[in-house]
Amino acid sequence: MQERVKILLVDDQPAKLLSYETVLQELQEDLLQAGSAREALDLLLKNEVAVILIDVCMPDLDGFQLAEMIREHPRFKKTGIIFVSAVQMTDLDRLRGYQLGAVDYVPVPVIPELLRAKVRVFTELFRKSQELENANDELERRVAERTEELAAANARMALAIEVAQLGTWELNIATGEFRASEKLFRMLGHVPDPAEPATLELMLNVIHPDDRPEVQAELFRTHETGEPYHYVFRAIRPDGAIIWCEGRASYDVNAKGRPTSMVGVIRDITEQKRAAEHQEIMMQELHHRVKNSLTTVQAIANLSRRTATNIETFSNAFNSRIVSLSKTHTMLVDNKWNRIHLRDILASELRAFEDLGEERFELCGSSIDLPSQMAVSLGLAFHELTTNAVKHGSLSVPDGRLVVKWALGDERDEEGNYTLHLHWREHGGPIVKEPTRLGFGTALLRGLFNEHNSSHITMQFERTGIDFQLAIPWTPH
């Protein structure tokens, strides 16, 4: 059911107002009655009226004067006004009425069908105008919402581009017009010159010469196929610095499927490239270290098996040596696999025997840091020497002493290495006899340091204790 509109009836005679109401009731609209011009103005200010019927002859203000006052108000400039006149009106009167805003005349006596037809036209016109105005308001509301959504989307996109550190560019394939963002210029180390617009050729010239042919070939290929463009390349900044870039772009196509424009982004991936290269190096280093560790464990197991008299002896010896290896590895891990000091490795091995008294140990040498593989070898060597000293050597008796000294030689070899000299000497221990067969400790020590070129070890079994000397190449930082 359509919404009812309001019709204002203005006449100073109640009988005529009643007759108009009777005639117009058939329209099923809301009828408002005013007995004077002032009353009519009050009703107009409080209501939205579709059409006004005004009696031309009224005592206070005639219909012409009321129409003029109505038209002066902005709200009623387009409201339909129909004059009802019981007197004969001249053409000049009609002209005056039209000039004052009247849109039609109805003579008296009123023909009901004619009056209803005229009023119906204006009510329908008003209703259509309202519908059109509402539709326009709704359209404006939707446009405003969509505009706001687009603005928010553009703001989010701009923020995402800024956060992702993306440089953007556009290419009109038909005209060759090229536009690039300020972010892209900054990324490539160039300053935009308003007098010299950016061109595709300028962008291609910053690509590393070794990568440029493949980048151009991929551009041509995707231009023919319409596929999205993606390529990783190097770019050279004006200061000579080389950066890695990742470029992505897509094409707009016409009705025939031919590309008409290209929109793309470029991202600086130099840090990611360096991180990937560093990760690859770390993986290779990890593989190398794990392989070395497994080789060491295998050697310990084989030598322990050869010298063990039973499974319990093998288990105890093997476990203690693995623990020693683990201590050195822990120190390396704590130091992020950087070099660690010789004194720290030696102190870690002797810490378990601090209750014997500090006077029984003498550690003398400068601060020397060891690379990881040398640290592992010396850690195992110190473990074997310490274990032997506790079981059979100077640390097995109350008056025995241990002196460990180390120092670097003054000269370098052909590879730029110094020689690290280490001397392990036990005093005051039980009488030592040279073994008749090669034991595990001696075999391990020789096996550990044979892998180091130019290394040299001597093991002398002095009467009061073992005398172990090592000379091994040491590489400075």
Protein backbone atom coordinates (compact mmCIF):
# COMPACT_ATOMS: atom_id res chain seq x y z
CA MET A 1 0.00 0.00 0.00
CA GLN A 2 1.39 3.37 -1.03
CA GLU A 3 2.01 6.06 1.57
CA ARG A 4 -0.68 8.76 1.91
CA VAL A 5 0.30 12.36 1.15
CA LYS A 6 -1.17 15.59 2.51
CA ILE A 7 -3.38 18.06 0.67
CA LEU A 8 -3.97 21.54 2.13
CA LEU A 9 -7.37 23.19 1.51
CA VAL A 10 -7.46 26.97 2.11
CA ASP A 11 -10.78 28.90 2.10
CA ASP A 12 -12.46 31.33 4.51
CA GLN A 13 -15.86 29.62 4.01
CA PRO A 14 -16.34 26.37 5.98
CA ALA A 15 -19.01 25.16 3.57
CA LYS A 16 -16.66 25.31 0.64
CA LEU A 17 -13.97 23.52 2.65
CA LEU A 18 -16.46 20.76 3.39
CA SER A 19 -17.40 20.46 -0.29
CA TYR A 20 -13.69 20.17 -1.29
CA GLU A 21 -13.21 17.51 1.36
CA THR A 22 -16.18 15.53 0.09
CA VAL A 23 -14.91 15.64 -3.48
CA LEU A 24 -11.32 14.69 -2.60
CA GLN A 25 -12.04 11.94 -0.05
CA GLU A 26 -12.07 9.46 -2.91
CA LEU A 27 -8.33 10.02 -3.37
CA GLN A 28 -7.69 8.52 0.09
CA GLU A 29 -5.11 11.13 1.02
CA ASP A 30 -4.74 13.21 4.21
CA LEU A 31 -6.75 16.43 3.92
CA LEU A 32 -5.76 19.51 5.95
CA GLN A 33 -8.13 22.49 6.26
CA ALA A 34 -7.20 26.16 6.86
CA GLY A 35 -9.79 28.96 7.24
CA SER A 36 -7.30 31.78 6.69
CA ALA A 37 -3.93 32.58 5.18
CA ARG A 38 -2.27 32.69 8.61
CA GLU A 39 -3.69 29.29 9.53
CA ALA A 40 -2.50 27.93 6.21
CA LEU A 41 1.04 29.15 6.84
CA ASP A 42 1.06 27.53 10.29
CA LEU A 43 0.00 24.18 8.82
CA LEU A 44 2.59 24.42 6.05
CA LEU A 45 5.39 24.93 8.54
CA LYS A 46 4.34 21.81 10.46
CA ASN A 47 3.58 19.48 7.55
CA GLU A 48 5.00 18.27 4.25
CA VAL A 49 2.26 19.10 1.74
CA ALA A 50 1.91 17.69 -1.78
CA VAL A 51 -0.57 20.25 -3.21
CA ILE A 52 -2.43 23.38 -1.98
CA LEU A 53 -5.93 24.45 -3.04
CA ILE A 54 -6.32 28.22 -2.42
CA ASP A 55 -9.43 30.36 -2.75
CA VAL A 56 -8.46 33.48 -4.65
CA CYS A 57 -10.90 35.72 -2.76
CA MET A 58 -10.26 35.82 0.99
CA PRO A 59 -10.70 38.80 3.38
CA ASP A 60 -7.30 39.14 5.10
CA LEU A 61 -4.90 37.99 2.41
CA ASP A 62 -6.17 37.00 -0.98
CA GLY A 63 -4.94 33.85 -2.73
CA PHE A 64 -2.34 35.72 -4.81
CA GLN A 65 -0.71 37.23 -1.73
CA LEU A 66 -0.68 33.88 0.09
CA ALA A 67 0.87 32.15 -2.92
CA GLU A 68 3.60 34.81 -3.05
CA MET A 69 4.39 34.28 0.65
CA ILE A 70 4.46 30.50 0.21
CA ARG A 71 6.86 30.69 -2.72
CA GLU A 72 9.27 32.86 -0.73
CA HIS A 73 9.91 29.96 1.64
CA PRO A 74 12.64 27.57 0.35
CA ARG A 75 10.67 24.49 1.35
CA PHE A 76 7.68 25.35 -0.83
CA LYS A 77 9.26 26.67 -4.01
CA LYS A 78 8.11 23.58 -5.92
CA THR A 79 4.87 22.79 -4.06
CA GLY A 80 1.87 22.56 -6.40
CA ILE A 81 -0.67 25.43 -6.00
CA ILE A 82 -4.13 25.29 -7.54
CA PHE A 83 -6.29 28.43 -7.43
CA VAL A 84 -10.06 28.07 -6.97
CA SER A 85 -11.98 31.15 -8.17
CA ALA A 86 -15.68 31.92 -8.03
CA VAL A 87 -15.29 35.11 -10.07
CA GLN A 88 -14.49 35.54 -13.68
CA MET A 89 -10.71 35.88 -14.05
CA THR A 90 -9.06 37.80 -16.85
CA ASP A 91 -5.95 36.65 -18.68
CA LEU A 92 -3.99 39.22 -16.69
CA ASP A 93 -5.24 37.63 -13.46
CA ARG A 94 -4.21 34.22 -14.70
CA LEU A 95 -0.80 35.55 -15.76
CA ARG A 96 -0.33 37.11 -12.34
CA GLY A 97 -1.24 33.83 -10.69
CA TYR A 98 1.27 31.88 -12.76
CA GLN A 99 3.95 34.47 -11.99
CA LEU A 100 3.25 34.07 -8.27
CA GLY A 101 3.62 30.30 -8.44
CA ALA A 102 0.23 28.88 -9.34
CA VAL A 103 0.29 25.79 -11.51
CA ASP A 104 -3.39 25.48 -12.34
CA TYR A 105 -6.91 27.03 -11.97
CA VAL A 106 -10.27 25.49 -11.11
CA PRO A 107 -13.41 27.58 -11.75
CA VAL A 108 -16.55 27.55 -9.61
CA PRO A 109 -18.85 25.69 -9.74
CA VAL A 110 -16.29 22.93 -9.23
CA ILE A 111 -16.63 19.83 -11.34
CA PRO A 112 -15.72 17.00 -8.91
CA GLU A 113 -14.10 14.74 -11.53
CA LEU A 114 -12.00 17.61 -12.89
CA LEU A 115 -10.81 18.66 -9.42
CA ARG A 116 -9.95 15.10 -8.44
CA ALA A 117 -8.04 14.59 -11.70
CA LYS A 118 -6.02 17.78 -11.28
CA VAL A 119 -5.19 17.07 -7.61
CA ARG A 120 -4.37 13.43 -8.39
CA VAL A 121 -1.75 14.56 -10.92
CA PHE A 122 0.03 16.66 -8.31
CA THR A 123 -0.18 14.06 -5.56
CA GLU A 124 1.30 11.42 -7.86
CA LEU A 125 3.94 13.87 -9.02
CA PHE A 126 4.77 14.66 -5.39
CA ARG A 127 4.89 10.97 -4.51
CA LYS A 128 7.23 10.23 -7.45
CA SER A 129 9.41 13.19 -6.50
CA GLN A 130 9.62 11.88 -2.93
CA GLU A 131 10.52 8.42 -4.17
CA LEU A 132 13.14 9.90 -6.47
CA GLU A 133 14.51 12.05 -3.64
CA ASN A 134 14.63 9.06 -1.30
CA ALA A 135 16.34 7.00 -3.98
CA ASN A 136 18.81 9.81 -4.53
CA ASP A 137 19.47 10.05 -0.78
CA GLU A 138 19.99 6.30 -0.65
CA LEU A 139 22.31 6.49 -3.64
CA GLU A 140 24.28 9.30 -2.05
CA ARG A 141 24.47 7.33 1.18
CA ARG A 142 25.77 4.26 -0.63
CA VAL A 143 28.22 6.34 -2.64
CA ALA A 144 29.46 7.95 0.58
CA GLU A 145 29.81 4.54 2.24
CA ARG A 146 31.59 3.12 -0.78
CA THR A 147 33.83 6.16 -0.99
CA GLU A 148 34.67 5.76 2.67
CA GLU A 149 35.33 2.05 2.18
CA LEU A 150 37.59 2.76 -0.78
CA ALA A 151 39.43 5.44 1.17
CA ALA A 152 39.90 3.02 4.07
CA ALA A 153 41.03 0.27 1.67
CA ASN A 154 43.47 2.64 0.01
CA ALA A 155 44.78 3.69 3.42
CA ARG A 156 45.22 0.04 4.41
CA MET A 157 46.94 -0.70 1.13
CA ALA A 158 49.24 2.31 1.54
CA LEU A 159 50.04 1.18 5.09
CA ALA A 160 50.69 -2.39 3.92
CA ILE A 161 52.95 -1.13 1.13
CA GLU A 162 54.84 1.05 3.62
CA VAL A 163 55.16 -1.74 6.19
CA ALA A 164 56.25 -4.23 3.53
CA GLN A 165 58.73 -1.67 2.18
CA LEU A 166 57.34 -1.99 -1.35
CA GLY A 167 58.09 0.31 -4.25
CA THR A 168 55.24 0.57 -6.78
CA TRP A 169 55.17 1.36 -10.50
CA GLU A 170 52.73 1.57 -13.41
CA LEU A 171 53.27 1.28 -17.15
CA ASN A 172 50.85 2.32 -19.91
CA ILE A 173 51.85 -0.08 -22.65
CA ALA A 174 50.11 1.87 -25.42
CA THR A 175 51.68 5.27 -24.65
CA GLY A 176 54.84 4.12 -22.88
CA GLU A 177 54.02 6.37 -19.91
CA PHE A 178 55.81 5.11 -16.80
CA ARG A 179 55.18 6.17 -13.20
CA ALA A 180 57.09 5.07 -10.11
CA SER A 181 56.58 5.76 -6.42
CA GLU A 182 58.99 7.80 -4.36
CA LYS A 183 59.59 4.67 -2.25
CA LEU A 184 60.90 2.85 -5.32
CA PHE A 185 63.26 5.72 -6.15
CA ARG A 186 64.60 5.70 -2.57
CA MET A 187 65.02 1.92 -2.67
CA LEU A 188 67.13 2.16 -5.81
CA GLY A 189 69.04 5.15 -4.50
CA HIS A 190 67.75 7.68 -7.05
CA VAL A 191 66.20 11.10 -6.53
CA PRO A 192 63.09 11.84 -8.67
CA ASP A 193 63.70 14.68 -11.13
CA PRO A 194 60.48 16.50 -12.13
CA ALA A 195 62.23 17.81 -15.24
CA GLU A 196 63.11 14.27 -16.33
CA PRO A 197 60.16 11.88 -15.86
CA ALA A 198 60.89 8.27 -15.01
CA THR A 199 60.92 5.80 -17.88
CA LEU A 200 60.93 2.03 -18.15
CA GLU A 201 64.37 2.26 -19.75
CA LEU A 202 65.68 4.15 -16.71
CA MET A 203 64.39 1.41 -14.41
CA LEU A 204 65.92 -1.33 -16.59
CA ASN A 205 69.29 0.44 -16.57
CA VAL A 206 69.63 0.06 -12.78
CA ILE A 207 69.38 -3.73 -13.10
CA HIS A 208 72.69 -5.58 -12.91
CA PRO A 209 74.02 -6.20 -16.47
CA ASP A 210 74.20 -9.95 -15.81
CA ASP A 211 70.51 -10.06 -14.84
CA ARG A 212 69.08 -7.51 -17.29
CA PRO A 213 68.69 -9.83 -20.36
CA GLU A 214 66.72 -12.40 -18.35
CA VAL A 215 64.52 -9.70 -16.76
CA GLN A 216 63.72 -8.26 -20.20
CA ALA A 217 63.09 -11.73 -21.66
CA GLU A 218 60.62 -12.48 -18.84
CA LEU A 219 58.87 -9.14 -19.46
CA PHE A 220 58.46 -9.94 -23.14
CA ARG A 221 57.25 -13.48 -22.40
CA THR A 222 54.60 -12.42 -19.88
CA HIS A 223 53.52 -9.58 -22.19
CA GLU A 224 52.71 -12.16 -24.86
CA THR A 225 50.99 -14.62 -22.51
CA GLY A 226 49.40 -12.17 -20.08
CA GLU A 227 50.72 -14.18 -17.15
CA PRO A 228 51.71 -12.41 -13.92
CA TYR A 229 55.32 -11.30 -13.90
CA HIS A 230 57.71 -12.48 -11.17
CA TYR A 231 61.49 -12.27 -11.13
CA VAL A 232 64.39 -11.88 -8.69
CA PHE A 233 67.29 -9.70 -9.80
CA ARG A 234 70.14 -7.53 -8.61
CA ALA A 235 70.10 -3.74 -8.87
CA ILE A 236 73.04 -1.35 -8.74
CA ARG A 237 72.62 1.85 -6.73
CA PRO A 238 74.42 5.05 -7.74
CA ASP A 239 76.96 4.52 -4.91
CA GLY A 240 77.88 1.13 -6.40
CA ALA A 241 76.07 -0.93 -3.76
CA ILE A 242 74.30 -4.02 -5.08
CA ILE A 243 70.89 -4.97 -3.67
CA TRP A 244 68.69 -7.96 -4.36
CA CYS A 245 65.14 -7.19 -5.51
CA GLU A 246 61.99 -9.21 -6.07
CA GLY A 247 59.62 -7.86 -8.71
CA ARG A 248 55.98 -8.81 -9.22
CA ALA A 249 53.46 -7.35 -11.66
CA SER A 250 50.15 -8.07 -13.38
CA TYR A 251 48.56 -6.91 -16.65
CA ASP A 252 45.28 -5.18 -17.45
CA VAL A 253 43.88 -6.47 -20.74
CA ASN A 254 41.39 -5.13 -23.27
CA ALA A 255 38.35 -6.89 -24.77
CA LYS A 256 40.65 -8.76 -27.16
CA GLY A 257 42.77 -10.05 -24.32
CA ARG A 258 45.77 -7.89 -25.19
CA PRO A 259 47.69 -6.21 -22.32
CA THR A 260 47.09 -2.47 -22.10
CA SER A 261 48.85 -1.59 -18.85
CA MET A 262 51.04 -3.11 -16.20
CA VAL A 263 51.06 -2.53 -12.44
CA GLY A 264 53.83 -3.88 -10.25
CA VAL A 265 55.75 -3.77 -6.98
CA ILE A 266 59.44 -4.22 -6.16
CA ARG A 267 60.74 -5.38 -2.79
CA ASP A 268 64.27 -5.17 -1.41
CA ILE A 269 65.17 -8.74 -0.36
CA THR A 270 68.86 -8.16 0.28
CA GLU A 271 68.58 -9.07 3.97
CA GLN A 272 66.58 -12.21 3.17
CA LYS A 273 69.21 -13.22 0.60
CA ARG A 274 72.00 -12.70 3.11
CA ALA A 275 70.06 -14.64 5.74
CA ALA A 276 69.52 -17.52 3.31
CA GLU A 277 73.20 -17.56 2.38
CA HIS A 278 74.15 -17.45 6.05
CA GLN A 279 71.74 -20.29 6.77
CA GLU A 280 73.29 -22.36 3.98
CA ILE A 281 76.76 -21.74 5.43
CA MET A 282 75.50 -22.65 8.89
CA MET A 283 73.96 -25.87 7.59
CA GLN A 284 77.24 -26.82 5.92
CA GLU A 285 79.13 -25.94 9.11
CA LEU A 286 76.65 -27.96 11.18
CA HIS A 287 77.07 -30.93 8.85
CA HIS A 288 80.84 -30.64 9.12
CA ARG A 289 80.77 -30.43 12.91
CA VAL A 290 78.32 -33.28 13.35
CA LYS A 291 80.41 -35.41 11.02
CA ASN A 292 83.56 -34.58 12.99
CA SER A 293 81.81 -35.32 16.29
CA LEU A 294 80.53 -38.65 15.05
CA THR A 295 84.00 -39.53 13.78
CA THR A 296 85.44 -38.69 17.21
CA VAL A 297 82.78 -40.78 18.97
CA GLN A 298 83.47 -43.67 16.59
CA ALA A 299 87.21 -43.46 17.31
CA ILE A 300 86.55 -43.38 21.08
CA ALA A 301 84.29 -46.42 20.81
CA ASN A 302 86.75 -48.42 18.71
CA LEU A 303 89.76 -47.64 20.94
CA SER A 304 87.77 -48.26 24.13
CA ARG A 305 86.69 -51.63 22.79
CA ARG A 306 90.25 -52.65 21.93
CA THR A 307 91.66 -51.84 25.36
CA ALA A 308 88.70 -52.92 27.53
CA THR A 309 88.92 -56.28 29.33
CA ASN A 310 85.14 -56.60 29.83
CA ILE A 311 81.88 -54.86 29.01
CA GLU A 312 81.81 -52.96 32.34
CA THR A 313 85.29 -51.57 31.77
CA PHE A 314 84.33 -50.56 28.26
CA SER A 315 81.09 -48.92 29.44
CA ASN A 316 82.76 -46.87 32.19
CA ALA A 317 85.64 -45.72 30.00
CA PHE A 318 83.41 -44.93 27.02
CA ASN A 319 80.86 -43.01 29.13
CA SER A 320 83.48 -40.88 30.88
CA ARG A 321 85.07 -39.93 27.57
CA ILE A 322 81.69 -39.05 26.03
CA VAL A 323 80.96 -36.85 29.07
CA SER A 324 84.29 -35.09 28.53
CA LEU A 325 83.43 -34.55 24.87
CA SER A 326 80.00 -33.24 25.91
CA LYS A 327 81.58 -30.70 28.31
CA THR A 328 83.67 -29.21 25.54
CA HIS A 329 80.69 -29.11 23.19
CA THR A 330 78.62 -27.37 25.85
CA MET A 331 81.28 -24.70 26.24
CA LEU A 332 81.34 -24.21 22.47
CA VAL A 333 77.55 -23.96 22.27
CA ASP A 334 77.45 -21.48 25.17
CA ASN A 335 79.99 -19.42 23.26
CA LYS A 336 77.92 -19.74 20.04
CA TRP A 337 80.61 -21.95 18.48
CA ASN A 338 83.11 -19.15 18.61
CA ARG A 339 86.65 -19.79 19.82
CA ILE A 340 87.10 -20.66 23.52
CA HIS A 341 90.13 -20.24 25.77
CA LEU A 342 92.56 -23.07 26.42
CA ARG A 343 92.62 -22.31 30.16
CA ASP A 344 88.80 -22.67 30.33
CA ILE A 345 88.95 -26.17 28.78
CA LEU A 346 91.70 -27.28 31.13
CA ALA A 347 89.99 -25.78 34.19
CA SER A 348 86.71 -27.52 33.26
CA GLU A 349 88.46 -30.90 33.25
CA LEU A 350 90.33 -30.32 36.53
CA ARG A 351 87.38 -28.76 38.39
CA ALA A 352 86.24 -32.19 39.61
CA PHE A 353 89.50 -32.54 41.57
CA GLU A 354 89.59 -29.16 43.30
CA ASP A 355 89.20 -30.91 46.67
CA LEU A 356 92.76 -32.23 46.26
CA GLY A 357 94.02 -28.67 46.91
CA GLU A 358 94.94 -25.78 44.66
CA GLU A 359 98.64 -26.14 45.55
CA ARG A 360 98.74 -29.39 43.63
CA PHE A 361 97.96 -27.69 40.30
CA GLU A 362 100.01 -25.14 38.43
CA LEU A 363 98.48 -23.75 35.22
CA CYS A 364 100.69 -21.27 33.47
CA GLY A 365 100.17 -19.64 30.07
CA SER A 366 98.81 -16.65 28.20
CA SER A 367 95.22 -16.22 27.05
CA ILE A 368 94.92 -18.31 23.90
CA ASP A 369 91.61 -18.94 22.18
CA LEU A 370 91.11 -22.14 20.22
CA PRO A 371 89.00 -22.90 17.14
CA SER A 372 86.20 -25.42 17.71
CA GLN A 373 87.88 -28.57 16.34
CA MET A 374 91.14 -27.94 18.18
CA ALA A 375 89.12 -27.25 21.35
CA VAL A 376 87.37 -30.65 21.03
CA SER A 377 90.69 -32.47 20.49
CA LEU A 378 92.42 -30.76 23.44
CA GLY A 379 89.36 -31.38 25.63
CA LEU A 380 89.61 -35.13 25.01
CA ALA A 381 93.38 -35.03 25.45
CA PHE A 382 93.09 -33.27 28.83
CA HIS A 383 90.47 -35.82 29.91
CA GLU A 384 92.75 -38.77 29.10
CA LEU A 385 95.74 -37.19 30.79
CA THR A 386 93.72 -36.20 33.88
CA THR A 387 92.10 -39.65 34.17
CA ASN A 388 95.50 -41.33 33.94
CA ALA A 389 96.98 -38.92 36.53
CA VAL A 390 94.14 -39.63 38.99
CA LYS A 391 94.30 -43.42 38.54
CA HIS A 392 98.01 -44.03 38.13
CA GLY A 393 99.93 -40.74 38.15
CA SER A 394 100.74 -37.76 40.34
CA LEU A 395 97.14 -37.08 41.38
CA SER A 396 96.76 -40.61 42.80
CA VAL A 397 99.04 -39.87 45.79
CA PRO A 398 98.83 -37.07 48.41
CA ASP A 399 102.12 -35.37 47.48
CA GLY A 400 101.83 -35.46 43.70
CA ARG A 401 101.65 -32.30 41.62
CA LEU A 402 100.61 -31.36 38.09
CA VAL A 403 102.18 -28.55 36.07
CA VAL A 404 100.68 -27.51 32.73
CA LYS A 405 102.32 -24.74 30.68
CA TRP A 406 101.58 -23.38 27.25
CA ALA A 407 102.85 -20.63 24.97
CA LEU A 408 102.90 -19.49 21.35
CA GLY A 409 106.02 -19.54 19.20
CA ASP A 410 107.34 -16.29 17.78
CA GLU A 411 107.43 -17.25 14.11
CA ARG A 412 104.72 -18.04 11.61
CA ASP A 413 104.75 -20.88 9.09
CA GLU A 414 104.05 -20.54 5.36
CA GLU A 415 100.29 -20.54 6.00
CA GLY A 416 100.54 -17.72 8.56
CA ASN A 417 100.06 -20.01 11.61
CA TYR A 418 101.92 -19.82 14.90
CA THR A 419 102.91 -22.95 16.81
CA LEU A 420 101.14 -23.65 20.10
CA HIS A 421 103.48 -25.43 22.58
CA LEU A 422 101.82 -27.29 25.46
CA HIS A 423 103.70 -29.12 28.21
CA TRP A 424 101.98 -31.48 30.70
CA ARG A 425 104.34 -32.57 33.48
CA GLU A 426 103.54 -34.68 36.52
CA HIS A 427 105.73 -34.64 39.65
CA GLY A 428 105.85 -36.70 42.84
CA GLY A 429 103.70 -39.53 41.65
CA PRO A 430 104.29 -43.27 41.81
CA ILE A 431 107.22 -44.70 39.90
CA VAL A 432 106.23 -44.79 36.26
CA LYS A 433 107.18 -47.58 33.92
CA GLU A 434 106.83 -47.37 30.17
CA PRO A 435 104.00 -49.69 29.08
CA THR A 436 104.85 -52.73 27.02
CA ARG A 437 101.87 -52.14 24.70
CA LEU A 438 100.13 -49.11 23.24
CA GLY A 439 97.32 -48.08 25.57
CA PHE A 440 94.09 -46.30 24.76
CA GLY A 441 95.23 -42.93 26.07
CA THR A 442 98.40 -42.86 23.99
CA ALA A 443 96.58 -44.16 20.92
CA LEU A 444 93.84 -41.55 21.32
CA LEU A 445 96.32 -38.70 21.78
CA ARG A 446 98.20 -39.69 18.68
CA GLY A 447 94.99 -40.18 16.74
CA LEU A 448 93.60 -36.80 17.79
CA PHE A 449 96.59 -34.79 16.71
CA ASN A 450 97.68 -36.72 13.65
CA GLU A 451 94.76 -35.08 11.85
CA HIS A 452 96.38 -31.67 12.39
CA ASN A 453 99.12 -31.14 9.81
CA SER A 454 102.52 -30.27 11.21
CA SER A 455 101.49 -31.29 14.74
CA HIS A 456 104.01 -33.14 16.92
CA ILE A 457 103.61 -34.99 20.24
CA THR A 458 106.07 -36.65 22.62
CA MET A 459 105.15 -38.88 25.55
CA GLN A 460 107.93 -39.68 28.04
CA PHE A 461 107.46 -41.89 31.06
CA GLU A 462 109.73 -40.23 33.60
CA ARG A 463 110.37 -41.94 36.95
CA THR A 464 108.13 -39.52 38.90
CA GLY A 465 105.45 -38.97 36.30
CA ILE A 466 104.40 -38.58 32.68
CA ASP A 467 105.91 -35.84 30.53
CA PHE A 468 103.59 -34.97 27.60
CA GLN A 469 104.50 -32.31 25.08
CA LEU A 470 102.43 -31.07 22.13
CA ALA A 471 103.30 -28.69 19.30
CA ILE A 472 100.38 -27.85 17.03
CA PRO A 473 99.65 -25.12 14.42
CA TRP A 474 97.42 -22.35 15.82
CA THR A 475 95.55 -19.95 13.57
CA PRO A 476 94.88 -16.45 14.94
CA HIS A 477 91.46 -14.76 14.50
